[in-house]
Amino acid sequence: VALEAERGREMLGVAPLIVERNAPLRGTLVAERDGSLAARFTPGDSLDNRHLILMRPLEDRARPDAAVGWMPPRRSPNAWIDIAAAGVALAAAGVAIHYKFRADDVDDRYRQLGSLERGDPVLKAEAERLDTYSLAALGVMQVGVGVLAVRFILR
């Protein structure tokens, strides 16, 4: 596969080919194979372009050029479920960590030797409440991770 542009011809590689550039390709892409007609096509304008090229043998003169078609990027119609499950899992993990750190700080104040707050039942209840919030968020995170695991296994 080569790129023909104003500055000349640049060999990009052999198929299957992935070309990563910072900007869309400019010029004409040419796909050539021994025993087949050359395929010429213009690359897309976006940064993520996929093309399917069906090379026709030289004996098949039904069409003057190879068939070239643009293929949109493959994305599962239910990819939003994966994205949502991952987002929920990450957010819940952050919430669980936040509440666990707060619960640990309150518990440290409850247990600190020589402190006026040592043994205060209000602090103990507060630490238990924050631990419960952390546990609930951890459960939500596990559900999100479980949904992702099941979806990946079923693929």
C-alpha atoms as a PDB file:
ATOM      1  CA  VAL A   1       0.000   0.000   0.000  1.00  0.00           C
ATOM      2  CA  ALA A   2       1.429   3.375  -1.016  1.00  0.00           C
ATOM      3  CA  LEU A   3       0.413   7.008  -0.652  1.00  0.00           C
ATOM      4  CA  GLU A   4       0.668   9.128  -3.791  1.00  0.00           C
ATOM      5  CA  ALA A   5       0.813  12.842  -3.008  1.00  0.00           C
ATOM      6  CA  GLU A   6       2.283  15.999  -4.539  1.00  0.00           C
ATOM      7  CA  ARG A   7       5.667  15.237  -2.989  1.00  0.00           C
ATOM      8  CA  GLY A   8       5.855  11.771  -4.573  1.00  0.00           C
ATOM      9  CA  ARG A   9       5.049   8.200  -3.681  1.00  0.00           C
ATOM     10  CA  GLU A  10       5.508   6.937  -0.115  1.00  0.00           C
ATOM     11  CA  MET A  11       5.321   3.230   0.714  1.00  0.00           C
ATOM     12  CA  LEU A  12       3.178   2.753   3.828  1.00  0.00           C
ATOM     13  CA  GLY A  13       3.473  -1.022   4.189  1.00  0.00           C
ATOM     14  CA  VAL A  14       1.687  -4.259   3.372  1.00  0.00           C
ATOM     15  CA  ALA A  15      -1.883  -5.271   4.141  1.00  0.00           C
ATOM     16  CA  PRO A  16      -3.343  -5.657   6.655  1.00  0.00           C
ATOM     17  CA  LEU A  17      -2.066  -2.193   7.437  1.00  0.00           C
ATOM     18  CA  ILE A  18      -2.565   0.246  10.286  1.00  0.00           C
ATOM     19  CA  VAL A  19      -1.245   3.752   9.685  1.00  0.00           C
ATOM     20  CA  GLU A  20      -1.083   6.055  12.685  1.00  0.00           C
ATOM     21  CA  ARG A  21      -0.549   9.728  11.946  1.00  0.00           C
ATOM     22  CA  ASN A  22      -1.262  12.976  13.786  1.00  0.00           C
ATOM     23  CA  ALA A  23      -3.290  14.275  10.845  1.00  0.00           C
ATOM     24  CA  PRO A  24      -5.450  12.671   8.147  1.00  0.00           C
ATOM     25  CA  LEU A  25      -3.614  11.387   5.066  1.00  0.00           C
ATOM     26  CA  ARG A  26      -3.606  13.665   2.006  1.00  0.00           C
ATOM     27  CA  GLY A  27      -3.355  12.221  -1.479  1.00  0.00           C
ATOM     28  CA  THR A  28      -4.399   8.926  -3.036  1.00  0.00           C
ATOM     29  CA  LEU A  29      -3.890   5.508  -1.510  1.00  0.00           C
ATOM     30  CA  VAL A  30      -2.831   2.813  -3.960  1.00  0.00           C
ATOM     31  CA  ALA A  31      -3.078  -0.878  -3.138  1.00  0.00           C
ATOM     32  CA  GLU A  32      -1.245  -3.216  -5.503  1.00  0.00           C
ATOM     33  CA  ARG A  33      -0.835  -6.981  -5.576  1.00  0.00           C
ATOM     34  CA  ASP A  34       0.671  -9.288  -8.176  1.00  0.00           C
ATOM     35  CA  GLY A  35      -2.035 -10.750 -10.385  1.00  0.00           C
ATOM     36  CA  SER A  36      -4.626  -8.121  -9.401  1.00  0.00           C
ATOM     37  CA  LEU A  37      -5.772  -4.750 -10.623  1.00  0.00           C
ATOM     38  CA  ALA A  38      -4.505  -1.792  -8.582  1.00  0.00           C
ATOM     39  CA  ALA A  39      -7.006  -0.144  -6.264  1.00  0.00           C
ATOM     40  CA  ARG A  40      -6.911   3.645  -5.924  1.00  0.00           C
ATOM     41  CA  PHE A  41      -8.943   5.546  -3.360  1.00  0.00           C
ATOM     42  CA  THR A  42      -8.911   8.706  -1.303  1.00  0.00           C
ATOM     43  CA  PRO A  43      -8.445   8.300   2.447  1.00  0.00           C
ATOM     44  CA  GLY A  44     -11.099   9.724   4.775  1.00  0.00           C
ATOM     45  CA  ASP A  45     -10.892  13.112   6.480  1.00  0.00           C
ATOM     46  CA  SER A  46     -11.208  11.909  10.078  1.00  0.00           C
ATOM     47  CA  LEU A  47      -8.374  10.553  12.200  1.00  0.00           C
ATOM     48  CA  ASP A  48     -10.010   7.104  12.432  1.00  0.00           C
ATOM     49  CA  ASN A  49     -10.667   5.715   8.946  1.00  0.00           C
ATOM     50  CA  ARG A  50     -11.082   2.090   7.964  1.00  0.00           C
ATOM     51  CA  HIS A  51     -11.143   0.841   4.413  1.00  0.00           C
ATOM     52  CA  LEU A  52     -11.921  -2.593   3.028  1.00  0.00           C
ATOM     53  CA  ILE A  53     -10.277  -3.291  -0.308  1.00  0.00           C
ATOM     54  CA  LEU A  54     -11.358  -6.254  -2.417  1.00  0.00           C
ATOM     55  CA  MET A  55      -8.710  -6.845  -5.065  1.00  0.00           C
ATOM     56  CA  ARG A  56      -9.981  -8.225  -8.372  1.00  0.00           C
ATOM     57  CA  PRO A  57      -7.805 -10.665 -10.325  1.00  0.00           C
ATOM     58  CA  LEU A  58      -6.518  -9.537 -13.722  1.00  0.00           C
ATOM     59  CA  GLU A  59      -8.649 -12.228 -15.393  1.00  0.00           C
ATOM     60  CA  ASP A  60     -11.829 -10.614 -14.022  1.00  0.00           C
ATOM     61  CA  ARG A  61     -12.356  -7.690 -16.374  1.00  0.00           C
ATOM     62  CA  ALA A  62     -15.976  -7.164 -15.418  1.00  0.00           C
ATOM     63  CA  ARG A  63     -14.960  -3.957 -13.640  1.00  0.00           C
ATOM     64  CA  PRO A  64     -12.074  -1.708 -14.598  1.00  0.00           C
ATOM     65  CA  ASP A  65     -10.807  -1.234 -11.044  1.00  0.00           C
ATOM     66  CA  ALA A  66     -10.836  -3.019  -7.736  1.00  0.00           C
ATOM     67  CA  ALA A  67     -13.826  -2.598  -5.457  1.00  0.00           C
ATOM     68  CA  VAL A  68     -13.098  -0.165  -2.655  1.00  0.00           C
ATOM     69  CA  GLY A  69     -15.474   0.518   0.184  1.00  0.00           C
ATOM     70  CA  TRP A  70     -15.289   2.588   3.328  1.00  0.00           C
ATOM     71  CA  MET A  71     -15.977   0.745   6.542  1.00  0.00           C
ATOM     72  CA  PRO A  72     -16.967   2.748   9.611  1.00  0.00           C
ATOM     73  CA  PRO A  73     -15.104   1.907  12.813  1.00  0.00           C
ATOM     74  CA  ARG A  74     -16.497  -1.246  14.391  1.00  0.00           C
ATOM     75  CA  ARG A  75     -18.316  -0.551  17.609  1.00  0.00           C
ATOM     76  CA  SER A  76     -20.691  -2.835  19.380  1.00  0.00           C
ATOM     77  CA  PRO A  77     -24.234  -1.430  19.519  1.00  0.00           C
ATOM     78  CA  ASN A  78     -24.218  -2.105  23.257  1.00  0.00           C
ATOM     79  CA  ALA A  79     -20.787  -0.596  23.977  1.00  0.00           C
ATOM     80  CA  TRP A  80     -22.502   2.002  26.151  1.00  0.00           C
ATOM     81  CA  ILE A  81     -23.209  -0.758  28.686  1.00  0.00           C
ATOM     82  CA  ASP A  82     -19.481  -1.476  29.018  1.00  0.00           C
ATOM     83  CA  ILE A  83     -18.669   2.220  29.317  1.00  0.00           C
ATOM     84  CA  ALA A  84     -21.409   2.790  31.905  1.00  0.00           C
ATOM     85  CA  ALA A  85     -20.389  -0.259  33.964  1.00  0.00           C
ATOM     86  CA  ALA A  86     -16.742   0.825  33.956  1.00  0.00           C
ATOM     87  CA  GLY A  87     -17.711   4.387  34.899  1.00  0.00           C
ATOM     88  CA  VAL A  88     -19.927   3.206  37.748  1.00  0.00           C
ATOM     89  CA  ALA A  89     -17.192   0.869  39.009  1.00  0.00           C
ATOM     90  CA  LEU A  90     -14.553   3.616  38.964  1.00  0.00           C
ATOM     91  CA  ALA A  91     -16.806   6.218  40.579  1.00  0.00           C
ATOM     92  CA  ALA A  92     -17.950   3.786  43.270  1.00  0.00           C
ATOM     93  CA  ALA A  93     -14.333   2.821  43.991  1.00  0.00           C
ATOM     94  CA  GLY A  94     -13.483   6.491  44.506  1.00  0.00           C
ATOM     95  CA  VAL A  95     -16.458   6.976  46.823  1.00  0.00           C
ATOM     96  CA  ALA A  96     -15.561   3.824  48.790  1.00  0.00           C
ATOM     97  CA  ILE A  97     -11.976   4.992  49.263  1.00  0.00           C
ATOM     98  CA  HIS A  98     -13.122   8.466  50.322  1.00  0.00           C
ATOM     99  CA  TYR A  99     -15.515   7.192  52.988  1.00  0.00           C
ATOM    100  CA  LYS A 100     -13.026   4.576  54.229  1.00  0.00           C
ATOM    101  CA  PHE A 101     -10.348   7.229  54.774  1.00  0.00           C
ATOM    102  CA  ARG A 102     -12.841   9.441  56.597  1.00  0.00           C
ATOM    103  CA  ALA A 103     -13.953   6.492  58.758  1.00  0.00           C
ATOM    104  CA  ASP A 104     -10.330   5.679  59.590  1.00  0.00           C
ATOM    105  CA  ASP A 105      -9.658   9.291  60.625  1.00  0.00           C
ATOM    106  CA  VAL A 106     -12.696   9.325  62.921  1.00  0.00           C
ATOM    107  CA  ASP A 107     -11.755   5.907  64.348  1.00  0.00           C
ATOM    108  CA  ASP A 108      -8.200   7.136  65.027  1.00  0.00           C
ATOM    109  CA  ARG A 109      -9.631  10.051  67.018  1.00  0.00           C
ATOM    110  CA  TYR A 110     -11.875   7.595  68.911  1.00  0.00           C
ATOM    111  CA  ARG A 111      -8.900   5.350  69.842  1.00  0.00           C
ATOM    112  CA  GLN A 112      -6.152   7.980  70.363  1.00  0.00           C
ATOM    113  CA  LEU A 113      -4.504   7.716  73.778  1.00  0.00           C
ATOM    114  CA  GLY A 114      -4.606  10.863  75.880  1.00  0.00           C
ATOM    115  CA  SER A 115      -7.317  12.486  73.752  1.00  0.00           C
ATOM    116  CA  LEU A 116     -10.453  14.017  75.252  1.00  0.00           C
ATOM    117  CA  GLU A 117     -12.421  12.326  72.449  1.00  0.00           C
ATOM    118  CA  ARG A 118     -11.135   8.815  73.330  1.00  0.00           C
ATOM    119  CA  GLY A 119     -14.031   6.426  73.793  1.00  0.00           C
ATOM    120  CA  ASP A 120     -16.654   8.973  72.683  1.00  0.00           C
ATOM    121  CA  PRO A 121     -19.706   6.952  71.533  1.00  0.00           C
ATOM    122  CA  VAL A 122     -20.610   9.657  68.989  1.00  0.00           C
ATOM    123  CA  LEU A 123     -17.247   9.149  67.245  1.00  0.00           C
ATOM    124  CA  LYS A 124     -17.710   5.372  67.249  1.00  0.00           C
ATOM    125  CA  ALA A 125     -21.169   5.716  65.679  1.00  0.00           C
ATOM    126  CA  GLU A 126     -19.781   8.169  63.094  1.00  0.00           C
ATOM    127  CA  ALA A 127     -16.940   5.776  62.174  1.00  0.00           C
ATOM    128  CA  GLU A 128     -19.395   2.893  61.789  1.00  0.00           C
ATOM    129  CA  ARG A 129     -21.714   5.034  59.641  1.00  0.00           C
ATOM    130  CA  LEU A 130     -18.841   6.057  57.343  1.00  0.00           C
ATOM    131  CA  ASP A 131     -17.657   2.431  57.134  1.00  0.00           C
ATOM    132  CA  THR A 132     -21.198   1.429  56.108  1.00  0.00           C
ATOM    133  CA  TYR A 133     -21.184   4.036  53.321  1.00  0.00           C
ATOM    134  CA  SER A 134     -17.794   2.746  52.183  1.00  0.00           C
ATOM    135  CA  LEU A 135     -19.071  -0.837  52.195  1.00  0.00           C
ATOM    136  CA  ALA A 136     -22.142   0.118  50.139  1.00  0.00           C
ATOM    137  CA  ALA A 137     -19.967   1.908  47.568  1.00  0.00           C
ATOM    138  CA  LEU A 138     -17.658  -1.105  47.463  1.00  0.00           C
ATOM    139  CA  GLY A 139     -20.672  -3.310  46.715  1.00  0.00           C
ATOM    140  CA  VAL A 140     -21.733  -1.027  43.854  1.00  0.00           C
ATOM    141  CA  MET A 141     -18.182  -1.181  42.505  1.00  0.00           C
ATOM    142  CA  GLN A 142     -18.266  -4.983  42.616  1.00  0.00           C
ATOM    143  CA  VAL A 143     -21.543  -5.014  40.685  1.00  0.00           C
ATOM    144  CA  GLY A 144     -19.988  -2.813  37.977  1.00  0.00           C
ATOM    145  CA  VAL A 145     -16.910  -5.033  37.746  1.00  0.00           C
ATOM    146  CA  GLY A 146     -19.144  -8.120  37.684  1.00  0.00           C
ATOM    147  CA  VAL A 147     -21.212  -6.732  34.800  1.00  0.00           C
ATOM    148  CA  LEU A 148     -18.009  -6.031  32.853  1.00  0.00           C
ATOM    149  CA  ALA A 149     -16.636  -9.506  33.582  1.00  0.00           C
ATOM    150  CA  VAL A 150     -19.827 -11.242  32.466  1.00  0.00           C
ATOM    151  CA  ARG A 151     -20.033  -9.155  29.280  1.00  0.00           C
ATOM    152  CA  PHE A 152     -16.387  -9.879  28.410  1.00  0.00           C
ATOM    153  CA  ILE A 153     -16.837 -13.609  29.055  1.00  0.00           C
ATOM    154  CA  LEU A 154     -19.960 -13.763  26.872  1.00  0.00           C
ATOM    155  CA  ARG A 155     -18.218 -12.168  23.877  1.00  0.00           C
END
